Amino acid sequence: MLFRSAYFEEKGLVRQQLDSFDEFIMNTMQEIVDESPRLELVPQQQHDPTQEQRGNSKHRIEFAQIYLSKPTWVEPDQTTSAMFPNEARLRNLTYAAPLYMDLTQTTRTEDPDDPDGAADEEKQQLDKVFLGQVPIMLRSTYCILKDSNDRELTDLGECPYDQGGYFVINGSEKVLIAQEKMTNNAVYVFAKKQPSKYTHVAELKSSLDASRPASSM
């Protein structure tokens, strides 16, 4: 009992939520980009007799480093200012941060009249292209309230005892509920507690895909 009390005093009630979100923002997002670093685009050729055929063009987009800043808000006069959670609640806004990414666009144009198949390549480097907004969990690493003390939290309209671990979406507080679920297509062995001729029992929940219910055996 003392160990459990000490754990919550040190870690808090939502530490698993904050650690999971920080891991996603700081590592997992970049790993997802690195797994699919290239995108090939081939436009469909539509024959038009009134236009001259200029060859086949192919576009390649390569994804690189991503960047995430603190939550900001663009005012109607196009000025950017920092956003605070209480402001998002009062103005029905989403407490989110802008996401940017470095891109490299390569356009390859093949000459159909060249028997050697020569092609011209034009490469363009695009730095910090805006992709969208990422909701930020309160009290996480990218939250403005991360290093605020009790006095600063009170001045910002926040409760000092609020441990965070939730989002503000369109002015409403939203939370992700963590659930523990047994993995399908795996064998689990349990010890029998009731008197039986068997000391252990094995259980398997098989499923072909996620859209179909699992069958137990």
C-alpha atoms as a PDB file:
ATOM      1  CA  MET A   1       0.000   0.000   0.000  1.00  0.00           C
ATOM      2  CA  LEU A   2       2.871   2.367   0.776  1.00  0.00           C
ATOM      3  CA  PHE A   3       4.492   1.525  -2.564  1.00  0.00           C
ATOM      4  CA  ARG A   4       1.277   2.305  -4.446  1.00  0.00           C
ATOM      5  CA  SER A   5       0.877   5.618  -2.608  1.00  0.00           C
ATOM      6  CA  ALA A   6       4.504   6.593  -3.319  1.00  0.00           C
ATOM      7  CA  TYR A   7       4.084   5.730  -6.991  1.00  0.00           C
ATOM      8  CA  PHE A   8       1.097   8.060  -7.441  1.00  0.00           C
ATOM      9  CA  GLU A   9       2.753  10.821  -5.441  1.00  0.00           C
ATOM     10  CA  GLU A  10       5.787  10.692  -7.742  1.00  0.00           C
ATOM     11  CA  LYS A  11       4.195   9.848 -11.099  1.00  0.00           C
ATOM     12  CA  GLY A  12       0.627  11.122 -10.769  1.00  0.00           C
ATOM     13  CA  LEU A  13      -2.549   9.574 -12.132  1.00  0.00           C
ATOM     14  CA  VAL A  14      -2.020  10.358 -15.829  1.00  0.00           C
ATOM     15  CA  ARG A  15       1.705   9.775 -16.271  1.00  0.00           C
ATOM     16  CA  GLN A  16       1.082   6.849 -18.640  1.00  0.00           C
ATOM     17  CA  GLN A  17      -1.008   9.135 -20.875  1.00  0.00           C
ATOM     18  CA  LEU A  18       1.651  11.869 -20.937  1.00  0.00           C
ATOM     19  CA  ASP A  19       4.514   9.441 -21.581  1.00  0.00           C
ATOM     20  CA  SER A  20       2.601   7.746 -24.387  1.00  0.00           C
ATOM     21  CA  PHE A  21       1.793  11.061 -26.087  1.00  0.00           C
ATOM     22  CA  ASP A  22       5.376  12.339 -25.726  1.00  0.00           C
ATOM     23  CA  GLU A  23       6.687   9.113 -27.254  1.00  0.00           C
ATOM     24  CA  PHE A  24       4.309   9.500 -30.203  1.00  0.00           C
ATOM     25  CA  ILE A  25       5.196  13.141 -30.824  1.00  0.00           C
ATOM     26  CA  MET A  26       8.958  12.906 -30.315  1.00  0.00           C
ATOM     27  CA  ASN A  27       9.691   9.514 -31.911  1.00  0.00           C
ATOM     28  CA  THR A  28       6.769   7.643 -33.475  1.00  0.00           C
ATOM     29  CA  MET A  29       5.696  10.407 -35.886  1.00  0.00           C
ATOM     30  CA  GLN A  30       9.182  10.621 -37.389  1.00  0.00           C
ATOM     31  CA  GLU A  31       9.412   6.816 -37.573  1.00  0.00           C
ATOM     32  CA  ILE A  32       6.144   6.698 -39.550  1.00  0.00           C
ATOM     33  CA  VAL A  33       7.562   9.228 -42.017  1.00  0.00           C
ATOM     34  CA  ASP A  34      10.835   7.301 -42.332  1.00  0.00           C
ATOM     35  CA  GLU A  35       8.953   4.079 -43.129  1.00  0.00           C
ATOM     36  CA  SER A  36       7.391   5.689 -46.232  1.00  0.00           C
ATOM     37  CA  PRO A  37       9.905   8.350 -47.246  1.00  0.00           C
ATOM     38  CA  ARG A  38       8.983   8.513 -50.944  1.00  0.00           C
ATOM     39  CA  LEU A  39       5.817   9.064 -52.964  1.00  0.00           C
ATOM     40  CA  GLU A  40       5.664   8.484 -56.728  1.00  0.00           C
ATOM     41  CA  LEU A  41       3.061  10.391 -58.748  1.00  0.00           C
ATOM     42  CA  VAL A  42       2.358   9.625 -62.402  1.00  0.00           C
ATOM     43  CA  PRO A  43      -0.286  11.923 -63.940  1.00  0.00           C
ATOM     44  CA  GLN A  44      -2.734  10.387 -66.375  1.00  0.00           C
ATOM     45  CA  GLN A  45      -2.039  11.304 -69.982  1.00  0.00           C
ATOM     46  CA  GLN A  46      -5.055  12.707 -71.802  1.00  0.00           C
ATOM     47  CA  HIS A  47      -4.633  12.940 -75.551  1.00  0.00           C
ATOM     48  CA  ASP A  48      -5.556  16.338 -76.930  1.00  0.00           C
ATOM     49  CA  PRO A  49      -4.973  16.840 -80.700  1.00  0.00           C
ATOM     50  CA  THR A  50      -4.879  20.630 -80.260  1.00  0.00           C
ATOM     51  CA  GLN A  51      -1.889  20.501 -77.881  1.00  0.00           C
ATOM     52  CA  GLU A  52       1.650  19.368 -78.549  1.00  0.00           C
ATOM     53  CA  GLN A  53       2.795  16.266 -76.723  1.00  0.00           C
ATOM     54  CA  ARG A  54       5.734  17.275 -74.521  1.00  0.00           C
ATOM     55  CA  GLY A  55       6.666  13.929 -73.083  1.00  0.00           C
ATOM     56  CA  ASN A  56       5.817  11.920 -69.984  1.00  0.00           C
ATOM     57  CA  SER A  57       6.307  13.606 -66.630  1.00  0.00           C
ATOM     58  CA  LYS A  58       6.722  11.807 -63.332  1.00  0.00           C
ATOM     59  CA  HIS A  59       6.810  13.435 -59.910  1.00  0.00           C
ATOM     60  CA  ARG A  60       8.588  12.101 -56.854  1.00  0.00           C
ATOM     61  CA  ILE A  61       8.114  13.581 -53.388  1.00  0.00           C
ATOM     62  CA  GLU A  62      10.544  12.631 -50.634  1.00  0.00           C
ATOM     63  CA  PHE A  63       9.647  13.251 -46.998  1.00  0.00           C
ATOM     64  CA  ALA A  64      12.340  14.176 -44.482  1.00  0.00           C
ATOM     65  CA  GLN A  65      12.410  15.871 -41.082  1.00  0.00           C
ATOM     66  CA  ILE A  66       9.228  16.956 -39.317  1.00  0.00           C
ATOM     67  CA  TYR A  67       8.933  19.959 -37.013  1.00  0.00           C
ATOM     68  CA  LEU A  68       6.386  20.717 -34.311  1.00  0.00           C
ATOM     69  CA  SER A  69       6.194  23.975 -32.390  1.00  0.00           C
ATOM     70  CA  LYS A  70       4.262  25.123 -29.349  1.00  0.00           C
ATOM     71  CA  PRO A  71       0.491  25.665 -29.751  1.00  0.00           C
ATOM     72  CA  THR A  72      -0.259  28.821 -31.719  1.00  0.00           C
ATOM     73  CA  TRP A  73      -3.303  30.590 -33.108  1.00  0.00           C
ATOM     74  CA  VAL A  74      -3.651  32.728 -36.234  1.00  0.00           C
ATOM     75  CA  GLU A  75      -5.727  35.845 -35.560  1.00  0.00           C
ATOM     76  CA  PRO A  76      -8.144  37.260 -38.170  1.00  0.00           C
ATOM     77  CA  ASP A  77      -5.509  39.875 -39.080  1.00  0.00           C
ATOM     78  CA  GLN A  78      -3.105  36.967 -39.928  1.00  0.00           C
ATOM     79  CA  THR A  79      -0.888  37.590 -36.896  1.00  0.00           C
ATOM     80  CA  THR A  80       0.319  34.520 -34.996  1.00  0.00           C
ATOM     81  CA  SER A  81       0.203  34.381 -31.219  1.00  0.00           C
ATOM     82  CA  ALA A  82       0.676  31.732 -28.554  1.00  0.00           C
ATOM     83  CA  MET A  83      -2.408  29.775 -27.552  1.00  0.00           C
ATOM     84  CA  PHE A  84      -3.226  28.805 -23.965  1.00  0.00           C
ATOM     85  CA  PRO A  85      -5.625  26.004 -22.982  1.00  0.00           C
ATOM     86  CA  ASN A  86      -8.081  28.278 -21.177  1.00  0.00           C
ATOM     87  CA  GLU A  87      -8.222  30.551 -24.226  1.00  0.00           C
ATOM     88  CA  ALA A  88      -9.067  27.531 -26.361  1.00  0.00           C
ATOM     89  CA  ARG A  89     -11.892  26.605 -23.962  1.00  0.00           C
ATOM     90  CA  LEU A  90     -13.380  30.104 -23.942  1.00  0.00           C
ATOM     91  CA  ARG A  91     -13.117  30.670 -27.714  1.00  0.00           C
ATOM     92  CA  ASN A  92     -14.170  27.145 -28.766  1.00  0.00           C
ATOM     93  CA  LEU A  93     -10.790  26.494 -30.366  1.00  0.00           C
ATOM     94  CA  THR A  94      -8.604  23.406 -30.633  1.00  0.00           C
ATOM     95  CA  TYR A  95      -5.460  23.478 -28.525  1.00  0.00           C
ATOM     96  CA  ALA A  96      -3.091  22.408 -31.293  1.00  0.00           C
ATOM     97  CA  ALA A  97       0.379  23.057 -32.678  1.00  0.00           C
ATOM     98  CA  PRO A  98       1.375  23.527 -36.344  1.00  0.00           C
ATOM     99  CA  LEU A  99       3.215  20.659 -38.029  1.00  0.00           C
ATOM    100  CA  TYR A 100       5.882  21.301 -40.684  1.00  0.00           C
ATOM    101  CA  MET A 101       7.987  18.975 -42.842  1.00  0.00           C
ATOM    102  CA  ASP A 102      10.966  19.215 -45.179  1.00  0.00           C
ATOM    103  CA  LEU A 103      10.101  17.967 -48.675  1.00  0.00           C
ATOM    104  CA  THR A 104      12.038  17.348 -51.870  1.00  0.00           C
ATOM    105  CA  GLN A 105      10.083  17.423 -55.129  1.00  0.00           C
ATOM    106  CA  THR A 106      11.660  15.871 -58.235  1.00  0.00           C
ATOM    107  CA  THR A 107      10.045  16.187 -61.665  1.00  0.00           C
ATOM    108  CA  ARG A 108      11.317  13.764 -64.320  1.00  0.00           C
ATOM    109  CA  THR A 109      10.306  14.448 -67.933  1.00  0.00           C
ATOM    110  CA  GLU A 110      11.035  11.816 -70.568  1.00  0.00           C
ATOM    111  CA  ASP A 111      11.461  12.710 -74.237  1.00  0.00           C
ATOM    112  CA  PRO A 112       9.398  10.278 -76.353  1.00  0.00           C
ATOM    113  CA  ASP A 113      11.405  11.183 -79.494  1.00  0.00           C
ATOM    114  CA  ASP A 114      14.750  10.203 -77.943  1.00  0.00           C
ATOM    115  CA  PRO A 115      15.551   6.524 -78.701  1.00  0.00           C
ATOM    116  CA  ASP A 116      17.946   6.387 -75.712  1.00  0.00           C
ATOM    117  CA  GLY A 117      15.194   7.293 -73.304  1.00  0.00           C
ATOM    118  CA  ALA A 118      16.868  10.457 -72.028  1.00  0.00           C
ATOM    119  CA  ALA A 119      15.044  12.407 -69.368  1.00  0.00           C
ATOM    120  CA  ASP A 120      15.362  15.775 -67.673  1.00  0.00           C
ATOM    121  CA  GLU A 121      15.130  16.024 -63.906  1.00  0.00           C
ATOM    122  CA  GLU A 122      14.251  19.117 -61.956  1.00  0.00           C
ATOM    123  CA  LYS A 123      14.683  18.941 -58.174  1.00  0.00           C
ATOM    124  CA  GLN A 124      13.201  21.456 -55.765  1.00  0.00           C
ATOM    125  CA  GLN A 125      13.882  21.580 -52.028  1.00  0.00           C
ATOM    126  CA  LEU A 126      10.949  22.713 -49.905  1.00  0.00           C
ATOM    127  CA  ASP A 127      11.799  23.516 -46.294  1.00  0.00           C
ATOM    128  CA  LYS A 128       9.257  23.460 -43.473  1.00  0.00           C
ATOM    129  CA  VAL A 129       6.094  23.028 -45.498  1.00  0.00           C
ATOM    130  CA  PHE A 130       2.962  23.456 -43.384  1.00  0.00           C
ATOM    131  CA  LEU A 131       0.973  20.211 -43.194  1.00  0.00           C
ATOM    132  CA  GLY A 132      -1.679  20.838 -40.556  1.00  0.00           C
ATOM    133  CA  GLN A 133      -2.443  21.062 -36.859  1.00  0.00           C
ATOM    134  CA  VAL A 134      -1.691  18.416 -34.216  1.00  0.00           C
ATOM    135  CA  PRO A 135      -3.763  18.509 -30.998  1.00  0.00           C
ATOM    136  CA  ILE A 136      -1.496  18.853 -27.959  1.00  0.00           C
ATOM    137  CA  MET A 137      -2.140  17.028 -24.698  1.00  0.00           C
ATOM    138  CA  LEU A 138      -2.165  19.297 -21.663  1.00  0.00           C
ATOM    139  CA  ARG A 139       0.974  19.108 -19.485  1.00  0.00           C
ATOM    140  CA  SER A 140       2.879  17.162 -22.138  1.00  0.00           C
ATOM    141  CA  THR A 141       6.317  18.197 -23.399  1.00  0.00           C
ATOM    142  CA  TYR A 142       4.926  20.504 -26.112  1.00  0.00           C
ATOM    143  CA  CYS A 143       2.287  22.078 -23.857  1.00  0.00           C
ATOM    144  CA  ILE A 144       2.817  25.714 -22.884  1.00  0.00           C
ATOM    145  CA  LEU A 145       1.936  24.821 -19.282  1.00  0.00           C
ATOM    146  CA  LYS A 146       4.743  22.267 -19.041  1.00  0.00           C
ATOM    147  CA  ASP A 147       7.101  24.241 -16.757  1.00  0.00           C
ATOM    148  CA  SER A 148       4.595  26.659 -15.170  1.00  0.00           C
ATOM    149  CA  ASN A 149       4.402  26.968 -11.396  1.00  0.00           C
ATOM    150  CA  ASP A 150       1.218  27.238  -9.322  1.00  0.00           C
ATOM    151  CA  ARG A 151       1.100  31.038  -9.434  1.00  0.00           C
ATOM    152  CA  GLU A 152       1.533  31.113 -13.220  1.00  0.00           C
ATOM    153  CA  LEU A 153      -1.132  28.436 -13.657  1.00  0.00           C
ATOM    154  CA  THR A 154      -3.582  30.442 -11.561  1.00  0.00           C
ATOM    155  CA  ASP A 155      -2.901  33.595 -13.585  1.00  0.00           C
ATOM    156  CA  LEU A 156      -3.578  31.632 -16.784  1.00  0.00           C
ATOM    157  CA  GLY A 157      -6.928  30.386 -15.507  1.00  0.00           C
ATOM    158  CA  GLU A 158      -5.727  26.844 -14.807  1.00  0.00           C
ATOM    159  CA  CYS A 159      -6.112  24.751 -11.686  1.00  0.00           C
ATOM    160  CA  PRO A 160      -2.737  23.942 -10.088  1.00  0.00           C
ATOM    161  CA  TYR A 161      -4.041  20.471  -9.181  1.00  0.00           C
ATOM    162  CA  ASP A 162      -4.993  19.672 -12.788  1.00  0.00           C
ATOM    163  CA  GLN A 163      -2.516  17.008 -13.953  1.00  0.00           C
ATOM    164  CA  GLY A 164      -3.491  17.233 -17.623  1.00  0.00           C
ATOM    165  CA  GLY A 165      -3.510  14.170 -19.819  1.00  0.00           C
ATOM    166  CA  TYR A 166      -6.399  15.357 -22.016  1.00  0.00           C
ATOM    167  CA  PHE A 167      -7.030  17.512 -25.106  1.00  0.00           C
ATOM    168  CA  VAL A 168      -9.111  20.616 -25.808  1.00  0.00           C
ATOM    169  CA  ILE A 169     -11.000  20.098 -29.085  1.00  0.00           C
ATOM    170  CA  ASN A 170     -13.304  22.898 -30.291  1.00  0.00           C
ATOM    171  CA  GLY A 171     -13.487  24.210 -26.732  1.00  0.00           C
ATOM    172  CA  SER A 172     -14.408  20.836 -25.177  1.00  0.00           C
ATOM    173  CA  GLU A 173     -12.110  18.679 -23.071  1.00  0.00           C
ATOM    174  CA  LYS A 174     -11.536  15.252 -24.605  1.00  0.00           C
ATOM    175  CA  VAL A 175      -9.684  12.306 -23.114  1.00  0.00           C
ATOM    176  CA  LEU A 176      -8.426   9.024 -24.595  1.00  0.00           C
ATOM    177  CA  ILE A 177      -9.496   6.068 -22.462  1.00  0.00           C
ATOM    178  CA  ALA A 178      -6.824   3.377 -22.306  1.00  0.00           C
ATOM    179  CA  GLN A 179      -8.118  -0.183 -22.545  1.00  0.00           C
ATOM    180  CA  GLU A 180      -6.375  -3.492 -22.042  1.00  0.00           C
ATOM    181  CA  LYS A 181      -7.366  -6.113 -24.571  1.00  0.00           C
ATOM    182  CA  MET A 182      -6.089  -9.605 -25.239  1.00  0.00           C
ATOM    183  CA  THR A 183      -4.280 -10.011 -28.534  1.00  0.00           C
ATOM    184  CA  ASN A 184      -6.020 -12.228 -31.063  1.00  0.00           C
ATOM    185  CA  ASN A 185      -4.320 -15.272 -32.601  1.00  0.00           C
ATOM    186  CA  ALA A 186      -2.175 -15.869 -29.524  1.00  0.00           C
ATOM    187  CA  VAL A 187      -2.336 -18.716 -27.006  1.00  0.00           C
ATOM    188  CA  TYR A 188      -2.799 -17.793 -23.336  1.00  0.00           C
ATOM    189  CA  VAL A 189      -2.274 -20.330 -20.554  1.00  0.00           C
ATOM    190  CA  PHE A 190      -3.972 -19.831 -17.170  1.00  0.00           C
ATOM    191  CA  ALA A 191      -3.674 -21.788 -13.935  1.00  0.00           C
ATOM    192  CA  LYS A 192      -6.928 -23.377 -12.747  1.00  0.00           C
ATOM    193  CA  LYS A 193      -8.028 -22.062  -9.352  1.00  0.00           C
ATOM    194  CA  GLN A 194     -11.019 -24.348  -8.860  1.00  0.00           C
ATOM    195  CA  PRO A 195     -10.465 -28.059  -8.138  1.00  0.00           C
ATOM    196  CA  SER A 196     -10.133 -29.880 -11.426  1.00  0.00           C
ATOM    197  CA  LYS A 197      -8.223 -32.747 -12.984  1.00  0.00           C
ATOM    198  CA  TYR A 198      -6.450 -30.114 -15.123  1.00  0.00           C
ATOM    199  CA  THR A 199      -3.945 -27.746 -13.556  1.00  0.00           C
ATOM    200  CA  HIS A 200      -3.904 -25.305 -16.462  1.00  0.00           C
ATOM    201  CA  VAL A 201      -6.166 -24.255 -19.300  1.00  0.00           C
ATOM    202  CA  ALA A 202      -5.202 -22.757 -22.682  1.00  0.00           C
ATOM    203  CA  GLU A 203      -7.337 -20.179 -24.453  1.00  0.00           C
ATOM    204  CA  LEU A 204      -7.064 -18.943 -28.026  1.00  0.00           C
ATOM    205  CA  LYS A 205      -9.062 -16.143 -29.655  1.00  0.00           C
ATOM    206  CA  SER A 206      -8.659 -16.487 -33.400  1.00  0.00           C
ATOM    207  CA  SER A 207      -9.580 -13.758 -35.876  1.00  0.00           C
ATOM    208  CA  LEU A 208      -8.974 -13.464 -39.604  1.00  0.00           C
ATOM    209  CA  ASP A 209      -8.976  -9.665 -39.586  1.00  0.00           C
ATOM    210  CA  ALA A 210      -9.953  -6.804 -37.311  1.00  0.00           C
ATOM    211  CA  SER A 211     -13.371  -6.323 -38.930  1.00  0.00           C
ATOM    212  CA  ARG A 212     -14.623  -9.785 -37.873  1.00  0.00           C
ATOM    213  CA  PRO A 213     -15.410 -10.921 -34.320  1.00  0.00           C
ATOM    214  CA  ALA A 214     -12.914 -13.258 -32.703  1.00  0.00           C
ATOM    215  CA  SER A 215     -13.889 -16.851 -31.929  1.00  0.00           C
ATOM    216  CA  SER A 216     -12.704 -18.392 -28.650  1.00  0.00           C
ATOM    217  CA  MET A 217     -11.487 -21.948 -28.223  1.00  0.00           C
END
